[in-house]
Amino acid sequence: MPTAKKKTTVSATPERRRELLNTAAEVFAAQGYNATTVRRIADEAGMLAGSLYYHFDSKESMVDEILSTFLTELWDGYDAVLAAGLGPRETIEALVTESFREIDRHRAAVAIYQKESKHLAAQPRFGYLTESQQKFEKAWLGTLERGVADGAFRADLDIRLTYRFVRDTVWVAASWYRPDGHHSPEEIARQYLSMVLDGIARRD
């Protein structure tokens, strides 16, 4: 009597897993989380939907890994900036530059975060989204407040309004930024900071 063959599960290499997540991120960003099906992601990846389940148990697992990877890398950079002991202006400059670098690395993930984080954060699995948002706000508001107290920023600055303006105008770049464009993230950050910190009017 022949011996039954043991079933094996296909294991993705780190490179293949990253490719599949990149594909999923682009689909989520373009179509929205709720409208995206596993079949659609599999079609874009050039594989059967059943084959995709060998690598991920659900689309929820995919978006979870996409967002958690993006936020982990973002906070690796932000924490390094905040621990560097820079002045408030230099801290803002470094945070903005790091933000544009993350848009370069995770453009689709940023778009997903902007569109879906409020909805996803209601689920226990995605509680870290709310925690990250609170930490993000504390870091930026604290730096702006320190700048006003130190005299680096104007005394009449509306801290919360400034925070919202900077936050939204930086991260909206994910909607138009292209990694193969004419400007590096560092060049975009320099231009942005020049406009925000120094203005666009001619100085005599």
C-alpha atoms as a PDB file:
ATOM      1  CA  MET A   1       0.000   0.000   0.000  1.00  0.00           C
ATOM      2  CA  PRO A   2       1.575   3.313  -1.038  1.00  0.00           C
ATOM      3  CA  THR A   3       2.438   5.806   1.683  1.00  0.00           C
ATOM      4  CA  ALA A   4       0.388   8.999   1.606  1.00  0.00           C
ATOM      5  CA  LYS A   5       2.437  12.038   0.691  1.00  0.00           C
ATOM      6  CA  LYS A   6       2.695  14.713   3.341  1.00  0.00           C
ATOM      7  CA  LYS A   7       1.218  18.030   2.286  1.00  0.00           C
ATOM      8  CA  THR A   8       3.661  20.890   2.244  1.00  0.00           C
ATOM      9  CA  THR A   9       3.038  24.609   2.518  1.00  0.00           C
ATOM     10  CA  VAL A  10       4.750  26.924   0.082  1.00  0.00           C
ATOM     11  CA  SER A  11       6.992  29.317   1.950  1.00  0.00           C
ATOM     12  CA  ALA A  12       7.726  32.673   0.407  1.00  0.00           C
ATOM     13  CA  THR A  13      11.237  34.014   0.376  1.00  0.00           C
ATOM     14  CA  PRO A  14      11.592  37.438   2.042  1.00  0.00           C
ATOM     15  CA  GLU A  15      11.999  38.977  -1.419  1.00  0.00           C
ATOM     16  CA  ARG A  16       8.858  37.328  -2.796  1.00  0.00           C
ATOM     17  CA  ARG A  17       6.872  38.240   0.311  1.00  0.00           C
ATOM     18  CA  ARG A  18       7.972  41.853  -0.073  1.00  0.00           C
ATOM     19  CA  GLU A  19       6.953  41.817  -3.754  1.00  0.00           C
ATOM     20  CA  LEU A  20       3.502  40.492  -2.876  1.00  0.00           C
ATOM     21  CA  LEU A  21       3.042  43.102  -0.146  1.00  0.00           C
ATOM     22  CA  ASN A  22       4.144  45.870  -2.507  1.00  0.00           C
ATOM     23  CA  THR A  23       1.574  44.688  -5.032  1.00  0.00           C
ATOM     24  CA  ALA A  24      -1.125  44.512  -2.363  1.00  0.00           C
ATOM     25  CA  ALA A  25      -0.223  47.995  -1.120  1.00  0.00           C
ATOM     26  CA  GLU A  26      -0.639  49.478  -4.593  1.00  0.00           C
ATOM     27  CA  VAL A  27      -4.057  47.823  -4.989  1.00  0.00           C
ATOM     28  CA  PHE A  28      -5.230  48.909  -1.521  1.00  0.00           C
ATOM     29  CA  ALA A  29      -4.048  52.469  -2.179  1.00  0.00           C
ATOM     30  CA  ALA A  30      -5.789  52.650  -5.553  1.00  0.00           C
ATOM     31  CA  GLN A  31      -9.067  50.870  -4.753  1.00  0.00           C
ATOM     32  CA  GLY A  32      -9.489  51.210  -1.007  1.00  0.00           C
ATOM     33  CA  TYR A  33      -9.337  48.452   1.573  1.00  0.00           C
ATOM     34  CA  ASN A  34     -13.009  47.453   1.551  1.00  0.00           C
ATOM     35  CA  ALA A  35     -13.243  47.345  -2.244  1.00  0.00           C
ATOM     36  CA  THR A  36     -10.103  45.229  -2.633  1.00  0.00           C
ATOM     37  CA  THR A  37     -10.433  41.460  -2.846  1.00  0.00           C
ATOM     38  CA  VAL A  38      -7.775  38.806  -2.422  1.00  0.00           C
ATOM     39  CA  ARG A  39      -8.556  37.735  -5.995  1.00  0.00           C
ATOM     40  CA  ARG A  40      -7.748  41.228  -7.289  1.00  0.00           C
ATOM     41  CA  ILE A  41      -4.419  41.266  -5.455  1.00  0.00           C
ATOM     42  CA  ALA A  42      -3.617  37.797  -6.790  1.00  0.00           C
ATOM     43  CA  ASP A  43      -4.483  38.902 -10.337  1.00  0.00           C
ATOM     44  CA  GLU A  44      -2.118  41.855 -10.036  1.00  0.00           C
ATOM     45  CA  ALA A  45       0.586  39.541  -8.675  1.00  0.00           C
ATOM     46  CA  GLY A  46       0.073  37.094 -11.557  1.00  0.00           C
ATOM     47  CA  MET A  47      -1.047  34.176  -9.406  1.00  0.00           C
ATOM     48  CA  LEU A  48      -4.184  32.316  -8.338  1.00  0.00           C
ATOM     49  CA  ALA A  49      -6.077  33.582  -5.304  1.00  0.00           C
ATOM     50  CA  GLY A  50      -5.622  30.206  -3.630  1.00  0.00           C
ATOM     51  CA  SER A  51      -1.860  30.470  -4.056  1.00  0.00           C
ATOM     52  CA  LEU A  52      -1.838  33.832  -2.297  1.00  0.00           C
ATOM     53  CA  TYR A  53      -3.368  32.163   0.767  1.00  0.00           C
ATOM     54  CA  TYR A  54      -0.220  30.094   1.091  1.00  0.00           C
ATOM     55  CA  HIS A  55       1.563  33.322   2.035  1.00  0.00           C
ATOM     56  CA  PHE A  56      -1.105  35.350   3.864  1.00  0.00           C
ATOM     57  CA  ASP A  57      -4.226  34.143   5.633  1.00  0.00           C
ATOM     58  CA  SER A  58      -6.312  37.224   4.741  1.00  0.00           C
ATOM     59  CA  LYS A  59      -6.231  40.668   3.222  1.00  0.00           C
ATOM     60  CA  GLU A  60      -6.396  41.979   6.807  1.00  0.00           C
ATOM     61  CA  SER A  61      -3.044  40.319   7.501  1.00  0.00           C
ATOM     62  CA  MET A  62      -1.596  41.953   4.398  1.00  0.00           C
ATOM     63  CA  VAL A  63      -2.699  45.485   5.246  1.00  0.00           C
ATOM     64  CA  ASP A  64      -1.591  44.933   8.843  1.00  0.00           C
ATOM     65  CA  GLU A  65       1.925  44.003   7.744  1.00  0.00           C
ATOM     66  CA  ILE A  66       2.043  46.880   5.241  1.00  0.00           C
ATOM     67  CA  LEU A  67       1.066  49.501   7.828  1.00  0.00           C
ATOM     68  CA  SER A  68       3.065  48.091  10.740  1.00  0.00           C
ATOM     69  CA  THR A  69       6.219  47.892   8.601  1.00  0.00           C
ATOM     70  CA  PHE A  70       5.769  51.501   7.464  1.00  0.00           C
ATOM     71  CA  LEU A  71       5.180  52.792  11.000  1.00  0.00           C
ATOM     72  CA  THR A  72       8.074  50.807  12.459  1.00  0.00           C
ATOM     73  CA  GLU A  73      10.474  52.340   9.949  1.00  0.00           C
ATOM     74  CA  LEU A  74       8.950  55.782  10.409  1.00  0.00           C
ATOM     75  CA  TRP A  75       9.458  55.653  14.169  1.00  0.00           C
ATOM     76  CA  ASP A  76      12.977  54.286  13.829  1.00  0.00           C
ATOM     77  CA  GLY A  77      13.790  57.511  11.978  1.00  0.00           C
ATOM     78  CA  TYR A  78      11.693  59.826  14.138  1.00  0.00           C
ATOM     79  CA  ASP A  79      13.033  58.421  17.408  1.00  0.00           C
ATOM     80  CA  ALA A  80      16.596  58.925  16.194  1.00  0.00           C
ATOM     81  CA  VAL A  81      15.805  62.560  15.373  1.00  0.00           C
ATOM     82  CA  LEU A  82      14.073  63.203  18.702  1.00  0.00           C
ATOM     83  CA  ALA A  83      16.966  61.641  20.635  1.00  0.00           C
ATOM     84  CA  ALA A  84      19.623  63.666  18.828  1.00  0.00           C
ATOM     85  CA  GLY A  85      19.325  66.741  21.067  1.00  0.00           C
ATOM     86  CA  LEU A  86      18.750  69.143  18.171  1.00  0.00           C
ATOM     87  CA  GLY A  87      17.278  72.610  18.503  1.00  0.00           C
ATOM     88  CA  PRO A  88      13.578  72.998  17.673  1.00  0.00           C
ATOM     89  CA  ARG A  89      14.103  74.337  14.144  1.00  0.00           C
ATOM     90  CA  GLU A  90      16.651  71.627  13.361  1.00  0.00           C
ATOM     91  CA  THR A  91      14.287  69.005  14.787  1.00  0.00           C
ATOM     92  CA  ILE A  92      11.440  70.187  12.542  1.00  0.00           C
ATOM     93  CA  GLU A  93      13.801  70.149   9.558  1.00  0.00           C
ATOM     94  CA  ALA A  94      14.935  66.609  10.361  1.00  0.00           C
ATOM     95  CA  LEU A  95      11.385  65.341  10.970  1.00  0.00           C
ATOM     96  CA  VAL A  96      10.172  66.788   7.668  1.00  0.00           C
ATOM     97  CA  THR A  97      13.125  65.275   5.807  1.00  0.00           C
ATOM     98  CA  GLU A  98      12.530  61.884   7.416  1.00  0.00           C
ATOM     99  CA  SER A  99       8.848  62.116   6.483  1.00  0.00           C
ATOM    100  CA  PHE A 100       9.636  62.648   2.809  1.00  0.00           C
ATOM    101  CA  ARG A 101      12.092  59.754   2.921  1.00  0.00           C
ATOM    102  CA  GLU A 102       9.327  57.513   4.261  1.00  0.00           C
ATOM    103  CA  ILE A 103       6.982  58.682   1.509  1.00  0.00           C
ATOM    104  CA  ASP A 104       9.700  57.666  -0.943  1.00  0.00           C
ATOM    105  CA  ARG A 105      10.016  54.212   0.661  1.00  0.00           C
ATOM    106  CA  HIS A 106       6.343  53.596   1.455  1.00  0.00           C
ATOM    107  CA  ARG A 107       4.243  55.829  -0.803  1.00  0.00           C
ATOM    108  CA  ALA A 108       1.366  53.343  -1.116  1.00  0.00           C
ATOM    109  CA  ALA A 109       1.395  52.570   2.616  1.00  0.00           C
ATOM    110  CA  VAL A 110       1.142  56.292   3.396  1.00  0.00           C
ATOM    111  CA  ALA A 111      -1.867  56.564   1.077  1.00  0.00           C
ATOM    112  CA  ILE A 112      -3.503  53.571   2.791  1.00  0.00           C
ATOM    113  CA  TYR A 113      -2.800  55.059   6.220  1.00  0.00           C
ATOM    114  CA  GLN A 114      -4.394  58.361   5.241  1.00  0.00           C
ATOM    115  CA  LYS A 115      -7.518  56.752   3.792  1.00  0.00           C
ATOM    116  CA  GLU A 116      -8.051  53.781   6.080  1.00  0.00           C
ATOM    117  CA  SER A 117      -6.471  54.384   9.503  1.00  0.00           C
ATOM    118  CA  LYS A 118      -9.595  55.822  11.158  1.00  0.00           C
ATOM    119  CA  HIS A 119     -11.686  52.850  10.032  1.00  0.00           C
ATOM    120  CA  LEU A 120      -9.058  50.211  10.793  1.00  0.00           C
ATOM    121  CA  ALA A 121      -8.151  51.663  14.197  1.00  0.00           C
ATOM    122  CA  ALA A 122     -11.602  50.656  15.455  1.00  0.00           C
ATOM    123  CA  GLN A 123     -10.489  47.024  15.276  1.00  0.00           C
ATOM    124  CA  PRO A 124      -8.394  45.680  18.196  1.00  0.00           C
ATOM    125  CA  ARG A 125      -5.775  44.320  15.815  1.00  0.00           C
ATOM    126  CA  PHE A 126      -5.010  47.836  14.616  1.00  0.00           C
ATOM    127  CA  GLY A 127      -4.912  49.593  17.972  1.00  0.00           C
ATOM    128  CA  TYR A 128      -1.314  50.567  17.270  1.00  0.00           C
ATOM    129  CA  LEU A 129      -2.571  53.063  14.663  1.00  0.00           C
ATOM    130  CA  THR A 130      -4.157  55.219  17.369  1.00  0.00           C
ATOM    131  CA  GLU A 131      -1.096  54.886  19.589  1.00  0.00           C
ATOM    132  CA  SER A 132       1.167  55.975  16.733  1.00  0.00           C
ATOM    133  CA  GLN A 133      -1.053  58.971  15.927  1.00  0.00           C
ATOM    134  CA  GLN A 134      -0.974  60.131  19.543  1.00  0.00           C
ATOM    135  CA  LYS A 135       2.797  59.736  19.708  1.00  0.00           C
ATOM    136  CA  PHE A 136       3.162  61.574  16.394  1.00  0.00           C
ATOM    137  CA  GLU A 137       1.074  64.521  17.588  1.00  0.00           C
ATOM    138  CA  LYS A 138       2.964  64.727  20.876  1.00  0.00           C
ATOM    139  CA  ALA A 139       6.340  64.814  19.099  1.00  0.00           C
ATOM    140  CA  TRP A 140       5.387  67.564  16.667  1.00  0.00           C
ATOM    141  CA  LEU A 141       3.431  69.729  19.099  1.00  0.00           C
ATOM    142  CA  GLY A 142       6.170  69.397  21.694  1.00  0.00           C
ATOM    143  CA  THR A 143       8.817  70.522  19.219  1.00  0.00           C
ATOM    144  CA  LEU A 144       6.754  73.518  18.097  1.00  0.00           C
ATOM    145  CA  GLU A 145       6.031  74.519  21.698  1.00  0.00           C
ATOM    146  CA  ARG A 146       9.722  74.276  22.531  1.00  0.00           C
ATOM    147  CA  GLY A 147      10.531  76.466  19.533  1.00  0.00           C
ATOM    148  CA  VAL A 148       8.140  79.181  20.680  1.00  0.00           C
ATOM    149  CA  ALA A 149       9.496  79.027  24.229  1.00  0.00           C
ATOM    150  CA  ASP A 150      13.102  79.206  22.991  1.00  0.00           C
ATOM    151  CA  GLY A 151      12.387  82.077  20.615  1.00  0.00           C
ATOM    152  CA  ALA A 152      13.201  79.997  17.541  1.00  0.00           C
ATOM    153  CA  PHE A 153       9.611  80.412  16.309  1.00  0.00           C
ATOM    154  CA  ARG A 154       7.260  83.405  16.484  1.00  0.00           C
ATOM    155  CA  ALA A 155       5.616  84.039  19.828  1.00  0.00           C
ATOM    156  CA  ASP A 156       2.192  84.473  18.182  1.00  0.00           C
ATOM    157  CA  LEU A 157       2.367  81.107  16.412  1.00  0.00           C
ATOM    158  CA  ASP A 158      -0.808  79.037  16.680  1.00  0.00           C
ATOM    159  CA  ILE A 159       0.846  75.746  17.641  1.00  0.00           C
ATOM    160  CA  ARG A 160      -1.998  73.363  16.837  1.00  0.00           C
ATOM    161  CA  LEU A 161      -2.896  75.072  13.557  1.00  0.00           C
ATOM    162  CA  THR A 162       0.749  75.016  12.497  1.00  0.00           C
ATOM    163  CA  TYR A 163       1.012  71.331  13.384  1.00  0.00           C
ATOM    164  CA  ARG A 164      -2.048  70.463  11.298  1.00  0.00           C
ATOM    165  CA  PHE A 165      -0.813  72.500   8.349  1.00  0.00           C
ATOM    166  CA  VAL A 166       2.643  70.944   8.364  1.00  0.00           C
ATOM    167  CA  ARG A 167       1.288  67.427   8.942  1.00  0.00           C
ATOM    168  CA  ASP A 168      -1.213  67.604   6.111  1.00  0.00           C
ATOM    169  CA  THR A 169       0.957  69.402   3.575  1.00  0.00           C
ATOM    170  CA  VAL A 170       3.826  66.963   4.080  1.00  0.00           C
ATOM    171  CA  TRP A 171       1.897  63.700   3.927  1.00  0.00           C
ATOM    172  CA  VAL A 172      -0.389  64.712   1.061  1.00  0.00           C
ATOM    173  CA  ALA A 173       2.750  64.471  -1.081  1.00  0.00           C
ATOM    174  CA  ALA A 174       2.112  60.717  -1.214  1.00  0.00           C
ATOM    175  CA  SER A 175      -0.651  61.483  -3.735  1.00  0.00           C
ATOM    176  CA  TRP A 176       1.744  63.002  -6.270  1.00  0.00           C
ATOM    177  CA  TYR A 177       5.257  61.876  -5.352  1.00  0.00           C
ATOM    178  CA  ARG A 178       6.910  59.370  -7.681  1.00  0.00           C
ATOM    179  CA  PRO A 179      10.168  57.587  -6.748  1.00  0.00           C
ATOM    180  CA  ASP A 180      11.438  57.975 -10.318  1.00  0.00           C
ATOM    181  CA  GLY A 181      10.733  61.714 -10.427  1.00  0.00           C
ATOM    182  CA  HIS A 182      13.181  64.548 -10.953  1.00  0.00           C
ATOM    183  CA  HIS A 183      13.661  65.372  -7.263  1.00  0.00           C
ATOM    184  CA  SER A 184      14.957  63.262  -4.397  1.00  0.00           C
ATOM    185  CA  PRO A 185      13.024  63.253  -1.107  1.00  0.00           C
ATOM    186  CA  GLU A 186      15.809  65.337   0.437  1.00  0.00           C
ATOM    187  CA  GLU A 187      15.511  67.954  -2.321  1.00  0.00           C
ATOM    188  CA  ILE A 188      11.750  68.127  -1.894  1.00  0.00           C
ATOM    189  CA  ALA A 189      12.188  68.492   1.863  1.00  0.00           C
ATOM    190  CA  ARG A 190      14.648  71.375   1.375  1.00  0.00           C
ATOM    191  CA  GLN A 191      12.231  73.228  -0.910  1.00  0.00           C
ATOM    192  CA  TYR A 192       9.316  72.587   1.413  1.00  0.00           C
ATOM    193  CA  LEU A 193      11.219  73.773   4.474  1.00  0.00           C
ATOM    194  CA  SER A 194      12.392  76.864   2.663  1.00  0.00           C
ATOM    195  CA  MET A 195       8.784  77.781   1.893  1.00  0.00           C
ATOM    196  CA  VAL A 196       7.449  77.008   5.372  1.00  0.00           C
ATOM    197  CA  LEU A 197      10.283  78.435   7.458  1.00  0.00           C
ATOM    198  CA  ASP A 198      11.450  81.313   5.254  1.00  0.00           C
ATOM    199  CA  GLY A 199       8.443  82.068   3.046  1.00  0.00           C
ATOM    200  CA  ILE A 200       8.259  82.575  -0.703  1.00  0.00           C
ATOM    201  CA  ALA A 201       8.361  86.392  -0.859  1.00  0.00           C
ATOM    202  CA  ARG A 202      11.522  88.038  -2.175  1.00  0.00           C
ATOM    203  CA  ARG A 203      13.886  89.196   0.546  1.00  0.00           C
ATOM    204  CA  ASP A 204      15.780  92.425  -0.080  1.00  0.00           C
END
